[in-house]
């Protein structure tokens, strides 16, 4: 069933791209419905849509409006791609970042010269502008 929905979604995206230049909004409708079908069946597509929505605000607004009018089964899938939403993938990414920070070597301090430690040393004055 997932394969059939995925293929239907791909066909609808292709049809939407063909109809996109027409003055009627049919292209948009087919693109959005096809994207919803593909996202509901493919995790990679879901991650890509979430990144795209984060990058382009106009796309995020379109899917927010779409999420209000589509059936509940697909609404859940669109809400999971909301870049402002909270999901498990973000938690895993944050844990990975924290773990990688813990394993990095600390920064090595700059070696001080004899002048830097001399009691009468003054740094050069900054030129006035």
C-alpha atoms as a PDB file:
ATOM      1  CA  UNK A   1       0.000   0.000   0.000  1.00  0.00           C
ATOM      2  CA  UNK A   2       2.849   2.395   0.832  1.00  0.00           C
ATOM      3  CA  UNK A   3       4.472   1.736  -2.523  1.00  0.00           C
ATOM      4  CA  UNK A   4       1.228   2.514  -4.334  1.00  0.00           C
ATOM      5  CA  UNK A   5       0.758   5.785  -2.399  1.00  0.00           C
ATOM      6  CA  UNK A   6       4.392   6.706  -3.049  1.00  0.00           C
ATOM      7  CA  UNK A   7       4.036   6.108  -6.805  1.00  0.00           C
ATOM      8  CA  UNK A   8       0.755   8.029  -6.944  1.00  0.00           C
ATOM      9  CA  UNK A   9       2.463  10.896  -5.113  1.00  0.00           C
ATOM     10  CA  UNK A  10       5.366  10.934  -7.590  1.00  0.00           C
ATOM     11  CA  UNK A  11       2.936  10.937 -10.543  1.00  0.00           C
ATOM     12  CA  UNK A  12       0.962  13.797  -8.980  1.00  0.00           C
ATOM     13  CA  UNK A  13       4.153  15.817  -8.450  1.00  0.00           C
ATOM     14  CA  UNK A  14       5.099  15.289 -12.102  1.00  0.00           C
ATOM     15  CA  UNK A  15       1.604  16.275 -13.260  1.00  0.00           C
ATOM     16  CA  UNK A  16       1.784  19.331 -10.993  1.00  0.00           C
ATOM     17  CA  UNK A  17       5.082  20.375 -12.568  1.00  0.00           C
ATOM     18  CA  UNK A  18       3.548  20.078 -16.052  1.00  0.00           C
ATOM     19  CA  UNK A  19       0.421  22.053 -15.043  1.00  0.00           C
ATOM     20  CA  UNK A  20       2.326  24.638 -12.997  1.00  0.00           C
ATOM     21  CA  UNK A  21       2.728  27.258 -15.791  1.00  0.00           C
ATOM     22  CA  UNK A  22      -1.016  27.318 -16.505  1.00  0.00           C
ATOM     23  CA  UNK A  23      -3.008  30.278 -15.151  1.00  0.00           C
ATOM     24  CA  UNK A  24      -5.223  27.971 -13.080  1.00  0.00           C
ATOM     25  CA  UNK A  25      -3.852  26.830  -9.706  1.00  0.00           C
ATOM     26  CA  UNK A  26      -4.096  23.161 -10.638  1.00  0.00           C
ATOM     27  CA  UNK A  27      -0.312  22.766 -10.660  1.00  0.00           C
ATOM     28  CA  UNK A  28      -0.035  23.875  -7.026  1.00  0.00           C
ATOM     29  CA  UNK A  29      -2.814  21.541  -5.971  1.00  0.00           C
ATOM     30  CA  UNK A  30      -1.217  18.513  -7.629  1.00  0.00           C
ATOM     31  CA  UNK A  31       2.235  19.442  -6.247  1.00  0.00           C
ATOM     32  CA  UNK A  32       0.994  19.781  -2.685  1.00  0.00           C
ATOM     33  CA  UNK A  33      -1.129  16.618  -2.739  1.00  0.00           C
ATOM     34  CA  UNK A  34       1.708  14.646  -4.356  1.00  0.00           C
ATOM     35  CA  UNK A  35       4.185  15.946  -1.772  1.00  0.00           C
ATOM     36  CA  UNK A  36       1.847  14.981   1.072  1.00  0.00           C
ATOM     37  CA  UNK A  37       1.512  11.456  -0.323  1.00  0.00           C
ATOM     38  CA  UNK A  38       5.276  11.034  -0.773  1.00  0.00           C
ATOM     39  CA  UNK A  39       6.034  12.435   2.699  1.00  0.00           C
ATOM     40  CA  UNK A  40       3.481  10.129   4.301  1.00  0.00           C
ATOM     41  CA  UNK A  41       5.282   7.076   2.886  1.00  0.00           C
ATOM     42  CA  UNK A  42       8.973   8.015   2.972  1.00  0.00           C
ATOM     43  CA  UNK A  43      11.096   9.090   5.973  1.00  0.00           C
ATOM     44  CA  UNK A  44      13.816  10.643   3.822  1.00  0.00           C
ATOM     45  CA  UNK A  45      11.255  12.785   2.011  1.00  0.00           C
ATOM     46  CA  UNK A  46       9.883  13.852   5.393  1.00  0.00           C
ATOM     47  CA  UNK A  47      13.340  15.004   6.540  1.00  0.00           C
ATOM     48  CA  UNK A  48      13.945  16.847   3.263  1.00  0.00           C
ATOM     49  CA  UNK A  49      10.584  18.619   3.504  1.00  0.00           C
ATOM     50  CA  UNK A  50      11.338  19.660   7.078  1.00  0.00           C
ATOM     51  CA  UNK A  51      14.675  21.154   5.989  1.00  0.00           C
ATOM     52  CA  UNK A  52      13.009  22.910   3.054  1.00  0.00           C
ATOM     53  CA  UNK A  53      10.285  24.342   5.302  1.00  0.00           C
ATOM     54  CA  UNK A  54      12.949  25.577   7.718  1.00  0.00           C
ATOM     55  CA  UNK A  55      14.897  27.215   4.882  1.00  0.00           C
ATOM     56  CA  UNK A  56      11.989  28.775   2.963  1.00  0.00           C
ATOM     57  CA  UNK A  57       9.312  30.486   5.033  1.00  0.00           C
ATOM     58  CA  UNK A  58       6.890  30.775   2.114  1.00  0.00           C
ATOM     59  CA  UNK A  59       6.886  26.983   1.745  1.00  0.00           C
ATOM     60  CA  UNK A  60       6.230  26.601   5.461  1.00  0.00           C
ATOM     61  CA  UNK A  61       3.191  28.915   5.202  1.00  0.00           C
ATOM     62  CA  UNK A  62       1.794  26.915   2.279  1.00  0.00           C
ATOM     63  CA  UNK A  63       2.031  23.639   4.195  1.00  0.00           C
ATOM     64  CA  UNK A  64       0.585  25.212   7.342  1.00  0.00           C
ATOM     65  CA  UNK A  65      -2.497  26.239   5.342  1.00  0.00           C
ATOM     66  CA  UNK A  66      -2.597  22.865   3.604  1.00  0.00           C
ATOM     67  CA  UNK A  67      -2.433  21.054   6.939  1.00  0.00           C
ATOM     68  CA  UNK A  68      -5.706  22.642   7.987  1.00  0.00           C
ATOM     69  CA  UNK A  69      -7.731  21.348   5.027  1.00  0.00           C
ATOM     70  CA  UNK A  70      -6.357  17.858   4.341  1.00  0.00           C
ATOM     71  CA  UNK A  71      -7.601  14.595   5.946  1.00  0.00           C
ATOM     72  CA  UNK A  72      -6.378  13.780   9.469  1.00  0.00           C
ATOM     73  CA  UNK A  73      -4.200  10.869   8.296  1.00  0.00           C
ATOM     74  CA  UNK A  74      -2.106  13.200   6.173  1.00  0.00           C
ATOM     75  CA  UNK A  75      -2.379  16.170   8.536  1.00  0.00           C
ATOM     76  CA  UNK A  76      -0.294  14.262  11.076  1.00  0.00           C
ATOM     77  CA  UNK A  77       2.419  13.716   8.472  1.00  0.00           C
ATOM     78  CA  UNK A  78       2.534  17.417   7.588  1.00  0.00           C
ATOM     79  CA  UNK A  79       2.643  18.430  11.266  1.00  0.00           C
ATOM     80  CA  UNK A  80       5.676  16.177  11.727  1.00  0.00           C
ATOM     81  CA  UNK A  81       7.542  18.206   9.092  1.00  0.00           C
ATOM     82  CA  UNK A  82       6.844  21.473  10.912  1.00  0.00           C
ATOM     83  CA  UNK A  83      10.268  23.056  11.528  1.00  0.00           C
ATOM     84  CA  UNK A  84       8.972  24.760  14.685  1.00  0.00           C
ATOM     85  CA  UNK A  85       7.586  21.505  16.044  1.00  0.00           C
ATOM     86  CA  UNK A  86       9.418  19.152  18.384  1.00  0.00           C
ATOM     87  CA  UNK A  87      10.312  15.634  17.355  1.00  0.00           C
ATOM     88  CA  UNK A  88      12.657  12.794  18.245  1.00  0.00           C
ATOM     89  CA  UNK A  89      15.076  13.440  15.355  1.00  0.00           C
ATOM     90  CA  UNK A  90      15.946  16.847  16.816  1.00  0.00           C
ATOM     91  CA  UNK A  91      16.631  15.267  20.219  1.00  0.00           C
ATOM     92  CA  UNK A  92      18.936  12.704  18.619  1.00  0.00           C
ATOM     93  CA  UNK A  93      20.808  15.441  16.732  1.00  0.00           C
ATOM     94  CA  UNK A  94      21.288  17.477  19.924  1.00  0.00           C
ATOM     95  CA  UNK A  95      22.551  14.408  21.811  1.00  0.00           C
ATOM     96  CA  UNK A  96      25.032  13.668  19.016  1.00  0.00           C
ATOM     97  CA  UNK A  97      26.302  17.265  19.086  1.00  0.00           C
ATOM     98  CA  UNK A  98      26.739  17.199  22.870  1.00  0.00           C
ATOM     99  CA  UNK A  99      28.541  13.874  22.673  1.00  0.00           C
ATOM    100  CA  UNK A 100      30.919  15.141  19.984  1.00  0.00           C
ATOM    101  CA  UNK A 101      31.663  18.268  22.047  1.00  0.00           C
ATOM    102  CA  UNK A 102      32.570  16.138  25.053  1.00  0.00           C
ATOM    103  CA  UNK A 103      35.146  14.193  23.042  1.00  0.00           C
ATOM    104  CA  UNK A 104      36.960  17.192  21.558  1.00  0.00           C
ATOM    105  CA  UNK A 105      40.243  18.333  23.043  1.00  0.00           C
ATOM    106  CA  UNK A 106      40.191  21.576  25.043  1.00  0.00           C
ATOM    107  CA  UNK A 107      41.627  24.690  23.423  1.00  0.00           C
ATOM    108  CA  UNK A 108      45.339  25.193  24.070  1.00  0.00           C
ATOM    109  CA  UNK A 109      46.028  28.551  25.705  1.00  0.00           C
ATOM    110  CA  UNK A 110      48.364  31.002  23.960  1.00  0.00           C
ATOM    111  CA  UNK A 111      51.917  30.876  25.232  1.00  0.00           C
ATOM    112  CA  UNK A 112      52.756  34.074  27.082  1.00  0.00           C
ATOM    113  CA  UNK A 113      55.935  35.907  26.217  1.00  0.00           C
ATOM    114  CA  UNK A 114      58.298  37.382  28.764  1.00  0.00           C
ATOM    115  CA  UNK A 115      56.902  40.861  28.077  1.00  0.00           C
ATOM    116  CA  UNK A 116      53.332  39.806  28.840  1.00  0.00           C
ATOM    117  CA  UNK A 117      54.312  38.704  32.324  1.00  0.00           C
ATOM    118  CA  UNK A 118      56.581  41.682  33.157  1.00  0.00           C
ATOM    119  CA  UNK A 119      55.082  43.887  35.915  1.00  0.00           C
ATOM    120  CA  UNK A 120      55.664  47.179  34.019  1.00  0.00           C
ATOM    121  CA  UNK A 121      54.360  45.931  30.655  1.00  0.00           C
ATOM    122  CA  UNK A 122      51.612  48.015  29.082  1.00  0.00           C
ATOM    123  CA  UNK A 123      49.906  47.014  25.864  1.00  0.00           C
ATOM    124  CA  UNK A 124      50.392  49.489  23.017  1.00  0.00           C
ATOM    125  CA  UNK A 125      47.853  52.309  22.915  1.00  0.00           C
ATOM    126  CA  UNK A 126      45.123  52.147  20.330  1.00  0.00           C
ATOM    127  CA  UNK A 127      45.175  54.927  17.736  1.00  0.00           C
ATOM    128  CA  UNK A 128      42.357  57.435  18.124  1.00  0.00           C
ATOM    129  CA  UNK A 129      39.944  57.835  15.268  1.00  0.00           C
END
